[in-house]
Amino acid sequence: MCRNGQGTHTYANGKVYTGTWRDDVMNGSGSLTFANGSKYEGEFQDNAFNGQGVYTWEDGSQYRGNFTNNRLIGKGEYLDVESRVWVGSFQDKAAIGLEVKLEC
């Protein structure tokens, strides 16, 4: 079976992907929910987070921004568990020059 178009797949480990398939890989817009409750919504390319997306951890914290091969790369925003928004440049797990976004 070679999946193409829109669909949902539930993996044996509890992950659920809903979105676009091309040549049996996740390509285009979609969401991937993990068994622990974490979720990625955004763009996929070749089964990886690539492009703009939102990753929400099981504790409710969230990153919005660019992804490259499943890594946080470039400008983005991080919403912590206390609802503070941090903005800056992300490089995988490092966040250079991260600043709190103040609401005026």
PDB file of N, CA and C in Angstrom:
ATOM      1  N   MET A   1       0.851  -1.185   0.000  1.00  0.00           N
ATOM      2  CA  MET A   1       0.000   0.000   0.000  1.00  0.00           C
ATOM      3  C   MET A   1       0.894   1.245   0.000  1.00  0.00           C
ATOM      4  N   CYS A   2       0.591   2.188  -0.858  1.00  0.00           N
ATOM      5  CA  CYS A   2       1.323   3.452  -0.933  1.00  0.00           C
ATOM      6  C   CYS A   2       0.323   4.580  -0.713  1.00  0.00           C
ATOM      7  N   ARG A   3       0.440   5.258   0.441  1.00  0.00           N
ATOM      8  CA  ARG A   3      -0.520   6.313   0.778  1.00  0.00           C
ATOM      9  C   ARG A   3      -0.204   7.602   0.036  1.00  0.00           C
ATOM     10  N   ASN A   4      -1.266   8.219  -0.483  1.00  0.00           N
ATOM     11  CA  ASN A   4      -1.196   9.531  -1.134  1.00  0.00           C
ATOM     12  C   ASN A   4      -2.470  10.288  -0.798  1.00  0.00           C
ATOM     13  N   GLY A   5      -2.362  11.593  -0.564  1.00  0.00           N
ATOM     14  CA  GLY A   5      -3.534  12.390  -0.233  1.00  0.00           C
ATOM     15  C   GLY A   5      -3.720  12.514   1.271  1.00  0.00           C
ATOM     16  N   GLN A   6      -4.934  12.807   1.689  1.00  0.00           N
ATOM     17  CA  GLN A   6      -5.253  13.017   3.109  1.00  0.00           C
ATOM     18  C   GLN A   6      -5.558  11.693   3.788  1.00  0.00           C
ATOM     19  N   GLY A   7      -5.158  11.584   5.060  1.00  0.00           N
ATOM     20  CA  GLY A   7      -5.472  10.366   5.785  1.00  0.00           C
ATOM     21  C   GLY A   7      -4.993  10.421   7.213  1.00  0.00           C
ATOM     22  N   THR A   8      -5.348   9.378   7.953  1.00  0.00           N
ATOM     23  CA  THR A   8      -4.947   9.222   9.354  1.00  0.00           C
ATOM     24  C   THR A   8      -4.307   7.855   9.521  1.00  0.00           C
ATOM     25  N   HIS A   9      -3.196   7.823  10.256  1.00  0.00           N
ATOM     26  CA  HIS A   9      -2.533   6.557  10.550  1.00  0.00           C
ATOM     27  C   HIS A   9      -2.226   6.507  12.044  1.00  0.00           C
ATOM     28  N   THR A  10      -2.594   5.401  12.680  1.00  0.00           N
ATOM     29  CA  THR A  10      -2.274   5.168  14.088  1.00  0.00           C
ATOM     30  C   THR A  10      -1.157   4.137  14.143  1.00  0.00           C
ATOM     31  N   TYR A  11      -0.053   4.501  14.777  1.00  0.00           N
ATOM     32  CA  TYR A  11       1.109   3.627  14.891  1.00  0.00           C
ATOM     33  C   TYR A  11       0.957   2.707  16.102  1.00  0.00           C
ATOM     34  N   ALA A  12       1.682   1.622  16.115  1.00  0.00           N
ATOM     35  CA  ALA A  12       1.631   0.652  17.219  1.00  0.00           C
ATOM     36  C   ALA A  12       2.068   1.276  18.546  1.00  0.00           C
ATOM     37  N   ASN A  13       2.942   2.289  18.501  1.00  0.00           N
ATOM     38  CA  ASN A  13       3.429   2.926  19.731  1.00  0.00           C
ATOM     39  C   ASN A  13       2.490   4.011  20.254  1.00  0.00           C
ATOM     40  N   GLY A  14       1.329   4.195  19.608  1.00  0.00           N
ATOM     41  CA  GLY A  14       0.344   5.159  20.082  1.00  0.00           C
ATOM     42  C   GLY A  14       0.338   6.495  19.369  1.00  0.00           C
ATOM     43  N   LYS A  15       1.337   6.764  18.524  1.00  0.00           N
ATOM     44  CA  LYS A  15       1.353   8.011  17.754  1.00  0.00           C
ATOM     45  C   LYS A  15       0.222   7.983  16.727  1.00  0.00           C
ATOM     46  N   VAL A  16      -0.334   9.181  16.478  1.00  0.00           N
ATOM     47  CA  VAL A  16      -1.384   9.301  15.465  1.00  0.00           C
ATOM     48  C   VAL A  16      -1.031  10.465  14.551  1.00  0.00           C
ATOM     49  N   TYR A  17      -0.923  10.171  13.246  1.00  0.00           N
ATOM     50  CA  TYR A  17      -0.681  11.212  12.248  1.00  0.00           C
ATOM     51  C   TYR A  17      -1.953  11.414  11.445  1.00  0.00           C
ATOM     52  N   THR A  18      -2.346  12.678  11.306  1.00  0.00           N
ATOM     53  CA  THR A  18      -3.467  13.051  10.446  1.00  0.00           C
ATOM     54  C   THR A  18      -2.975  14.157   9.529  1.00  0.00           C
ATOM     55  N   GLY A  19      -3.059  13.927   8.238  1.00  0.00           N
ATOM     56  CA  GLY A  19      -2.595  14.947   7.310  1.00  0.00           C
ATOM     57  C   GLY A  19      -2.336  14.406   5.931  1.00  0.00           C
ATOM     58  N   THR A  20      -1.407  15.052   5.241  1.00  0.00           N
ATOM     59  CA  THR A  20      -1.115  14.755   3.846  1.00  0.00           C
ATOM     60  C   THR A  20       0.008  13.729   3.728  1.00  0.00           C
ATOM     61  N   TRP A  21      -0.228  12.756   2.863  1.00  0.00           N
ATOM     62  CA  TRP A  21       0.767  11.735   2.523  1.00  0.00           C
ATOM     63  C   TRP A  21       1.159  11.912   1.064  1.00  0.00           C
ATOM     64  N   ARG A  22       2.428  11.683   0.774  1.00  0.00           N
ATOM     65  CA  ARG A  22       2.888  11.633  -0.610  1.00  0.00           C
ATOM     66  C   ARG A  22       3.904  10.503  -0.710  1.00  0.00           C
ATOM     67  N   ASP A  23       3.627   9.563  -1.579  1.00  0.00           N
ATOM     68  CA  ASP A  23       4.503   8.399  -1.773  1.00  0.00           C
ATOM     69  C   ASP A  23       4.787   7.682  -0.452  1.00  0.00           C
ATOM     70  N   ASP A  24       3.774   7.553   0.365  1.00  0.00           N
ATOM     71  CA  ASP A  24       3.791   6.814   1.627  1.00  0.00           C
ATOM     72  C   ASP A  24       4.619   7.470   2.735  1.00  0.00           C
ATOM     73  N   VAL A  25       4.920   8.762   2.614  1.00  0.00           N
ATOM     74  CA  VAL A  25       5.587   9.495   3.696  1.00  0.00           C
ATOM     75  C   VAL A  25       4.790  10.753   4.024  1.00  0.00           C
ATOM     76  N   MET A  26       4.954  11.246   5.258  1.00  0.00           N
ATOM     77  CA  MET A  26       4.270  12.465   5.681  1.00  0.00           C
ATOM     78  C   MET A  26       4.887  13.645   4.933  1.00  0.00           C
ATOM     79  N   ASN A  27       4.092  14.307   4.114  1.00  0.00           N
ATOM     80  CA  ASN A  27       4.535  15.458   3.329  1.00  0.00           C
ATOM     81  C   ASN A  27       3.388  16.445   3.233  1.00  0.00           C
ATOM     82  N   GLY A  28       3.633  17.716   3.577  1.00  0.00           N
ATOM     83  CA  GLY A  28       2.580  18.721   3.546  1.00  0.00           C
ATOM     84  C   GLY A  28       2.095  19.029   4.952  1.00  0.00           C
ATOM     85  N   SER A  29       0.884  19.514   5.067  1.00  0.00           N
ATOM     86  CA  SER A  29       0.322  19.898   6.370  1.00  0.00           C
ATOM     87  C   SER A  29      -0.225  18.693   7.104  1.00  0.00           C
ATOM     88  N   GLY A  30      -0.035  18.712   8.430  1.00  0.00           N
ATOM     89  CA  GLY A  30      -0.576  17.621   9.222  1.00  0.00           C
ATOM     90  C   GLY A  30      -0.347  17.827  10.701  1.00  0.00           C
ATOM     91  N   SER A  31      -0.780  16.840  11.485  1.00  0.00           N
ATOM     92  CA  SER A  31      -0.541  16.853  12.929  1.00  0.00           C
ATOM     93  C   SER A  31      -0.113  15.460  13.365  1.00  0.00           C
ATOM     94  N   LEU A  32       0.817  15.433  14.310  1.00  0.00           N
ATOM     95  CA  LEU A  32       1.319  14.186  14.855  1.00  0.00           C
ATOM     96  C   LEU A  32       1.178  14.265  16.365  1.00  0.00           C
ATOM     97  N   THR A  33       0.349  13.390  16.917  1.00  0.00           N
ATOM     98  CA  THR A  33       0.114  13.355  18.355  1.00  0.00           C
ATOM     99  C   THR A  33       0.836  12.137  18.924  1.00  0.00           C
ATOM    100  N   PHE A  34       1.592  12.365  19.989  1.00  0.00           N
ATOM    101  CA  PHE A  34       2.369  11.299  20.620  1.00  0.00           C
ATOM    102  C   PHE A  34       1.582  10.686  21.773  1.00  0.00           C
ATOM    103  N   ALA A  35       1.945   9.481  22.164  1.00  0.00           N
ATOM    104  CA  ALA A  35       1.245   8.760  23.231  1.00  0.00           C
ATOM    105  C   ALA A  35       1.268   9.519  24.556  1.00  0.00           C
ATOM    106  N   ASN A  36       2.316  10.329  24.802  1.00  0.00           N
ATOM    107  CA  ASN A  36       2.404  11.078  26.059  1.00  0.00           C
ATOM    108  C   ASN A  36       1.575  12.357  26.056  1.00  0.00           C
ATOM    109  N   GLY A  37       0.915  12.666  24.928  1.00  0.00           N
ATOM    110  CA  GLY A  37       0.076  13.860  24.830  1.00  0.00           C
ATOM    111  C   GLY A  37       0.722  15.022  24.110  1.00  0.00           C
ATOM    112  N   SER A  38       2.024  14.955  23.848  1.00  0.00           N
ATOM    113  CA  SER A  38       2.687  16.003  23.061  1.00  0.00           C
ATOM    114  C   SER A  38       2.144  15.973  21.646  1.00  0.00           C
ATOM    115  N   LYS A  39       2.211  17.141  20.978  1.00  0.00           N
ATOM    116  CA  LYS A  39       1.630  17.218  19.639  1.00  0.00           C
ATOM    117  C   LYS A  39       2.384  18.227  18.783  1.00  0.00           C
ATOM    118  N   TYR A  40       2.589  17.876  17.510  1.00  0.00           N
ATOM    119  CA  TYR A  40       3.146  18.793  16.525  1.00  0.00           C
ATOM    120  C   TYR A  40       2.074  19.034  15.474  1.00  0.00           C
ATOM    121  N   GLU A  41       1.869  20.306  15.128  1.00  0.00           N
ATOM    122  CA  GLU A  41       0.956  20.673  14.053  1.00  0.00           C
ATOM    123  C   GLU A  41       1.706  21.613  13.122  1.00  0.00           C
ATOM    124  N   GLY A  42       1.736  21.279  11.848  1.00  0.00           N
ATOM    125  CA  GLY A  42       2.432  22.138  10.910  1.00  0.00           C
ATOM    126  C   GLY A  42       2.827  21.406   9.653  1.00  0.00           C
ATOM    127  N   GLU A  43       3.970  21.814   9.120  1.00  0.00           N
ATOM    128  CA  GLU A  43       4.452  21.291   7.847  1.00  0.00           C
ATOM    129  C   GLU A  43       5.402  20.111   8.053  1.00  0.00           C
ATOM    130  N   PHE A  44       5.237  19.118   7.191  1.00  0.00           N
ATOM    131  CA  PHE A  44       6.100  17.937   7.176  1.00  0.00           C
ATOM    132  C   PHE A  44       6.769  17.832   5.820  1.00  0.00           C
ATOM    133  N   GLN A  45       7.980  17.290   5.824  1.00  0.00           N
ATOM    134  CA  GLN A  45       8.664  16.947   4.590  1.00  0.00           C
ATOM    135  C   GLN A  45       9.464  15.687   4.852  1.00  0.00           C
ATOM    136  N   ASP A  46       9.216  14.652   4.085  1.00  0.00           N
ATOM    137  CA  ASP A  46       9.932  13.387   4.218  1.00  0.00           C
ATOM    138  C   ASP A  46       9.888  12.844   5.651  1.00  0.00           C
ATOM    139  N   ASN A  47       8.694  12.817   6.227  1.00  0.00           N
ATOM    140  CA  ASN A  47       8.445  12.274   7.575  1.00  0.00           C
ATOM    141  C   ASN A  47       9.071  13.082   8.703  1.00  0.00           C
ATOM    142  N   ALA A  48       9.479  14.308   8.452  1.00  0.00           N
ATOM    143  CA  ALA A  48      10.098  15.139   9.489  1.00  0.00           C
ATOM    144  C   ALA A  48       9.393  16.489   9.575  1.00  0.00           C
ATOM    145  N   PHE A  49       9.485  17.127  10.759  1.00  0.00           N
ATOM    146  CA  PHE A  49       8.962  18.481  10.935  1.00  0.00           C
ATOM    147  C   PHE A  49       9.858  19.409  10.125  1.00  0.00           C
ATOM    148  N   ASN A  50       9.308  20.055   9.117  1.00  0.00           N
ATOM    149  CA  ASN A  50      10.062  20.972   8.266  1.00  0.00           C
ATOM    150  C   ASN A  50       9.158  22.116   7.865  1.00  0.00           C
ATOM    151  N   GLY A  51       9.575  23.354   8.157  1.00  0.00           N
ATOM    152  CA  GLY A  51       8.760  24.522   7.850  1.00  0.00           C
ATOM    153  C   GLY A  51       8.136  25.068   9.119  1.00  0.00           C
ATOM    154  N   GLN A  52       7.049  25.795   8.962  1.00  0.00           N
ATOM    155  CA  GLN A  52       6.377  26.417  10.109  1.00  0.00           C
ATOM    156  C   GLN A  52       5.522  25.389  10.851  1.00  0.00           C
ATOM    157  N   GLY A  53       5.572  25.477  12.185  1.00  0.00           N
ATOM    158  CA  GLY A  53       4.778  24.552  12.967  1.00  0.00           C
ATOM    159  C   GLY A  53       4.676  24.969  14.414  1.00  0.00           C
ATOM    160  N   VAL A  54       3.878  24.212  15.142  1.00  0.00           N
ATOM    161  CA  VAL A  54       3.667  24.419  16.577  1.00  0.00           C
ATOM    162  C   VAL A  54       3.866  23.070  17.265  1.00  0.00           C
ATOM    163  N   TYR A  55       4.771  23.042  18.246  1.00  0.00           N
ATOM    164  CA  TYR A  55       4.981  21.834  19.039  1.00  0.00           C
ATOM    165  C   TYR A  55       4.499  22.127  20.451  1.00  0.00           C
ATOM    166  N   THR A  56       3.597  21.301  20.951  1.00  0.00           N
ATOM    167  CA  THR A  56       3.068  21.456  22.303  1.00  0.00           C
ATOM    168  C   THR A  56       3.503  20.255  23.137  1.00  0.00           C
ATOM    169  N   TRP A  57       4.218  20.519  24.242  1.00  0.00           N
ATOM    170  CA  TRP A  57       4.646  19.462  25.143  1.00  0.00           C
ATOM    171  C   TRP A  57       3.496  19.046  26.042  1.00  0.00           C
ATOM    172  N   GLU A  58       3.641  17.903  26.693  1.00  0.00           N
ATOM    173  CA  GLU A  58       2.574  17.373  27.542  1.00  0.00           C
ATOM    174  C   GLU A  58       2.258  18.282  28.728  1.00  0.00           C
ATOM    175  N   ASP A  59       3.185  19.158  29.134  1.00  0.00           N
ATOM    176  CA  ASP A  59       2.921  20.081  30.245  1.00  0.00           C
ATOM    177  C   ASP A  59       2.209  21.357  29.796  1.00  0.00           C
ATOM    178  N   GLY A  60       1.943  21.481  28.480  1.00  0.00           N
ATOM    179  CA  GLY A  60       1.252  22.649  27.952  1.00  0.00           C
ATOM    180  C   GLY A  60       2.165  23.719  27.392  1.00  0.00           C
ATOM    181  N   SER A  61       3.476  23.626  27.646  1.00  0.00           N
ATOM    182  CA  SER A  61       4.397  24.603  27.053  1.00  0.00           C
ATOM    183  C   SER A  61       4.426  24.370  25.542  1.00  0.00           C
ATOM    184  N   GLN A  62       4.822  25.427  24.824  1.00  0.00           N
ATOM    185  CA  GLN A  62       4.644  25.372  23.381  1.00  0.00           C
ATOM    186  C   GLN A  62       5.706  26.187  22.648  1.00  0.00           C
ATOM    187  N   TYR A  63       6.140  25.687  21.505  1.00  0.00           N
ATOM    188  CA  TYR A  63       7.038  26.416  20.612  1.00  0.00           C
ATOM    189  C   TYR A  63       6.314  26.647  19.290  1.00  0.00           C
ATOM    190  N   ARG A  64       6.372  27.902  18.814  1.00  0.00           N
ATOM    191  CA  ARG A  64       5.819  28.261  17.504  1.00  0.00           C
ATOM    192  C   ARG A  64       6.948  28.852  16.678  1.00  0.00           C
ATOM    193  N   GLY A  65       7.151  28.289  15.504  1.00  0.00           N
ATOM    194  CA  GLY A  65       8.203  28.829  14.665  1.00  0.00           C
ATOM    195  C   GLY A  65       8.637  27.848  13.607  1.00  0.00           C
ATOM    196  N   ASN A  66       9.893  27.976  13.211  1.00  0.00           N
ATOM    197  CA  ASN A  66      10.434  27.174  12.124  1.00  0.00           C
ATOM    198  C   ASN A  66      11.088  25.897  12.636  1.00  0.00           C
ATOM    199  N   PHE A  67      10.917  24.833  11.872  1.00  0.00           N
ATOM    200  CA  PHE A  67      11.547  23.545  12.142  1.00  0.00           C
ATOM    201  C   PHE A  67      12.341  23.120  10.919  1.00  0.00           C
ATOM    202  N   THR A  68      13.482  22.486  11.161  1.00  0.00           N
ATOM    203  CA  THR A  68      14.278  21.887  10.104  1.00  0.00           C
ATOM    204  C   THR A  68      14.689  20.497  10.569  1.00  0.00           C
ATOM    205  N   ASN A  69      14.220  19.471   9.864  1.00  0.00           N
ATOM    206  CA  ASN A  69      14.534  18.081  10.218  1.00  0.00           C
ATOM    207  C   ASN A  69      14.286  17.792  11.699  1.00  0.00           C
ATOM    208  N   ASN A  70      13.092  18.129  12.160  1.00  0.00           N
ATOM    209  CA  ASN A  70      12.637  17.883  13.539  1.00  0.00           C
ATOM    210  C   ASN A  70      13.308  18.763  14.588  1.00  0.00           C
ATOM    211  N   ARG A  71      14.070  19.750  14.183  1.00  0.00           N
ATOM    212  CA  ARG A  71      14.764  20.615  15.141  1.00  0.00           C
ATOM    213  C   ARG A  71      14.204  22.032  15.080  1.00  0.00           C
ATOM    214  N   LEU A  72      14.212  22.713  16.226  1.00  0.00           N
ATOM    215  CA  LEU A  72      13.793  24.109  16.308  1.00  0.00           C
ATOM    216  C   LEU A  72      14.932  24.948  15.740  1.00  0.00           C
ATOM    217  N   ILE A  73      14.692  25.584  14.605  1.00  0.00           N
ATOM    218  CA  ILE A  73      15.742  26.346  13.925  1.00  0.00           C
ATOM    219  C   ILE A  73      15.170  27.698  13.490  1.00  0.00           C
ATOM    220  N   GLY A  74      15.843  28.790  13.877  1.00  0.00           N
ATOM    221  CA  GLY A  74      15.444  30.117  13.429  1.00  0.00           C
ATOM    222  C   GLY A  74      14.576  30.840  14.444  1.00  0.00           C
ATOM    223  N   LYS A  75      13.907  31.879  13.980  1.00  0.00           N
ATOM    224  CA  LYS A  75      13.079  32.707  14.865  1.00  0.00           C
ATOM    225  C   LYS A  75      11.832  31.957  15.288  1.00  0.00           C
ATOM    226  N   GLY A  76      11.495  32.142  16.563  1.00  0.00           N
ATOM    227  CA  GLY A  76      10.308  31.482  17.074  1.00  0.00           C
ATOM    228  C   GLY A  76       9.883  32.054  18.404  1.00  0.00           C
ATOM    229  N   GLU A  77       8.792  31.511  18.928  1.00  0.00           N
ATOM    230  CA  GLU A  77       8.259  31.907  20.230  1.00  0.00           C
ATOM    231  C   GLU A  77       8.055  30.669  21.077  1.00  0.00           C
ATOM    232  N   TYR A  78       8.412  30.802  22.353  1.00  0.00           N
ATOM    233  CA  TYR A  78       8.211  29.719  23.304  1.00  0.00           C
ATOM    234  C   TYR A  78       7.255  30.208  24.386  1.00  0.00           C
ATOM    235  N   LEU A  79       6.165  29.496  24.568  1.00  0.00           N
ATOM    236  CA  LEU A  79       5.186  29.801  25.615  1.00  0.00           C
ATOM    237  C   LEU A  79       5.455  28.847  26.761  1.00  0.00           C
ATOM    238  N   ASP A  80       5.856  29.394  27.930  1.00  0.00           N
ATOM    239  CA  ASP A  80       6.166  28.504  29.050  1.00  0.00           C
ATOM    240  C   ASP A  80       4.903  28.151  29.837  1.00  0.00           C
ATOM    241  N   VAL A  81       5.056  27.305  30.847  1.00  0.00           N
ATOM    242  CA  VAL A  81       3.897  26.813  31.605  1.00  0.00           C
ATOM    243  C   VAL A  81       3.227  27.906  32.435  1.00  0.00           C
ATOM    244  N   GLU A  82       3.884  29.064  32.597  1.00  0.00           N
ATOM    245  CA  GLU A  82       3.297  30.188  33.322  1.00  0.00           C
ATOM    246  C   GLU A  82       2.739  31.238  32.361  1.00  0.00           C
ATOM    247  N   SER A  83       2.572  30.854  31.103  1.00  0.00           N
ATOM    248  CA  SER A  83       1.998  31.687  30.036  1.00  0.00           C
ATOM    249  C   SER A  83       2.858  32.884  29.644  1.00  0.00           C
ATOM    250  N   ARG A  84       4.153  32.846  29.958  1.00  0.00           N
ATOM    251  CA  ARG A  84       5.075  33.875  29.471  1.00  0.00           C
ATOM    252  C   ARG A  84       5.516  33.488  28.070  1.00  0.00           C
ATOM    253  N   VAL A  85       5.587  34.484  27.193  1.00  0.00           N
ATOM    254  CA  VAL A  85       6.029  34.242  25.822  1.00  0.00           C
ATOM    255  C   VAL A  85       7.467  34.732  25.685  1.00  0.00           C
ATOM    256  N   TRP A  86       8.342  33.848  25.238  1.00  0.00           N
ATOM    257  CA  TRP A  86       9.747  34.151  25.014  1.00  0.00           C
ATOM    258  C   TRP A  86       9.989  34.149  23.507  1.00  0.00           C
ATOM    259  N   VAL A  87      10.672  35.174  23.004  1.00  0.00           N
ATOM    260  CA  VAL A  87      10.953  35.259  21.572  1.00  0.00           C
ATOM    261  C   VAL A  87      12.463  35.311  21.344  1.00  0.00           C
ATOM    262  N   GLY A  88      12.885  34.797  20.209  1.00  0.00           N
ATOM    263  CA  GLY A  88      14.300  34.822  19.880  1.00  0.00           C
ATOM    264  C   GLY A  88      14.633  33.842  18.791  1.00  0.00           C
ATOM    265  N   SER A  89      15.913  33.586  18.667  1.00  0.00           N
ATOM    266  CA  SER A  89      16.406  32.636  17.678  1.00  0.00           C
ATOM    267  C   SER A  89      16.727  31.315  18.359  1.00  0.00           C
ATOM    268  N   PHE A  90      16.263  30.259  17.758  1.00  0.00           N
ATOM    269  CA  PHE A  90      16.460  28.929  18.307  1.00  0.00           C
ATOM    270  C   PHE A  90      17.411  28.149  17.414  1.00  0.00           C
ATOM    271  N   GLN A  91      18.267  27.366  18.041  1.00  0.00           N
ATOM    272  CA  GLN A  91      19.197  26.501  17.327  1.00  0.00           C
ATOM    273  C   GLN A  91      19.167  25.155  18.021  1.00  0.00           C
ATOM    274  N   ASP A  92      18.246  24.295  17.589  1.00  0.00           N
ATOM    275  CA  ASP A  92      18.022  22.990  18.191  1.00  0.00           C
ATOM    276  C   ASP A  92      17.546  23.194  19.629  1.00  0.00           C
ATOM    277  N   LYS A  93      18.349  22.863  20.630  1.00  0.00           N
ATOM    278  CA  LYS A  93      17.922  23.019  22.021  1.00  0.00           C
ATOM    279  C   LYS A  93      18.411  24.323  22.644  1.00  0.00           C
ATOM    280  N   ALA A  94      19.207  25.092  21.924  1.00  0.00           N
ATOM    281  CA  ALA A  94      19.713  26.363  22.422  1.00  0.00           C
ATOM    282  C   ALA A  94      18.835  27.505  21.927  1.00  0.00           C
ATOM    283  N   ALA A  95      18.724  28.541  22.754  1.00  0.00           N
ATOM    284  CA  ALA A  95      17.937  29.727  22.387  1.00  0.00           C
ATOM    285  C   ALA A  95      18.792  30.955  22.652  1.00  0.00           C
ATOM    286  N   ILE A  96      19.334  31.497  21.587  1.00  0.00           N
ATOM    287  CA  ILE A  96      20.246  32.626  21.686  1.00  0.00           C
ATOM    288  C   ILE A  96      19.484  33.943  21.764  1.00  0.00           C
ATOM    289  N   GLY A  97      19.787  34.754  22.766  1.00  0.00           N
ATOM    290  CA  GLY A  97      19.167  36.061  22.886  1.00  0.00           C
ATOM    291  C   GLY A  97      17.671  36.014  23.157  1.00  0.00           C
ATOM    292  N   LEU A  98      17.239  35.026  23.859  1.00  0.00           N
ATOM    293  CA  LEU A  98      15.817  34.876  24.162  1.00  0.00           C
ATOM    294  C   LEU A  98      15.354  35.991  25.092  1.00  0.00           C
ATOM    295  N   GLU A  99      14.234  36.615  24.772  1.00  0.00           N
ATOM    296  CA  GLU A  99      13.693  37.711  25.569  1.00  0.00           C
ATOM    297  C   GLU A  99      12.219  37.479  25.828  1.00  0.00           C
ATOM    298  N   VAL A 100      11.745  37.960  26.982  1.00  0.00           N
ATOM    299  CA  VAL A 100      10.328  37.881  27.289  1.00  0.00           C
ATOM    300  C   VAL A 100       9.586  38.885  26.436  1.00  0.00           C
ATOM    301  N   LYS A 101       8.497  38.461  25.837  1.00  0.00           N
ATOM    302  CA  LYS A 101       7.652  39.346  25.030  1.00  0.00           C
ATOM    303  C   LYS A 101       6.678  40.019  25.980  1.00  0.00           C
ATOM    304  N   LEU A 102       6.788  41.333  26.101  1.00  0.00           N
ATOM    305  CA  LEU A 102       5.926  42.088  27.011  1.00  0.00           C
ATOM    306  C   LEU A 102       4.684  42.555  26.302  1.00  0.00           C
ATOM    307  N   GLU A 103       3.561  42.439  26.985  1.00  0.00           N
ATOM    308  CA  GLU A 103       2.292  42.934  26.455  1.00  0.00           C
ATOM    309  C   GLU A 103       2.091  44.352  26.959  1.00  0.00           C
ATOM    310  N   CYS A 104       1.861  45.297  26.075  1.00  0.00           N
ATOM    311  CA  CYS A 104       1.660  46.689  26.476  1.00  0.00           C
ATOM    312  C   CYS A 104       0.210  47.072  26.368  1.00  0.00           C
TER     313      CYS A 104
END
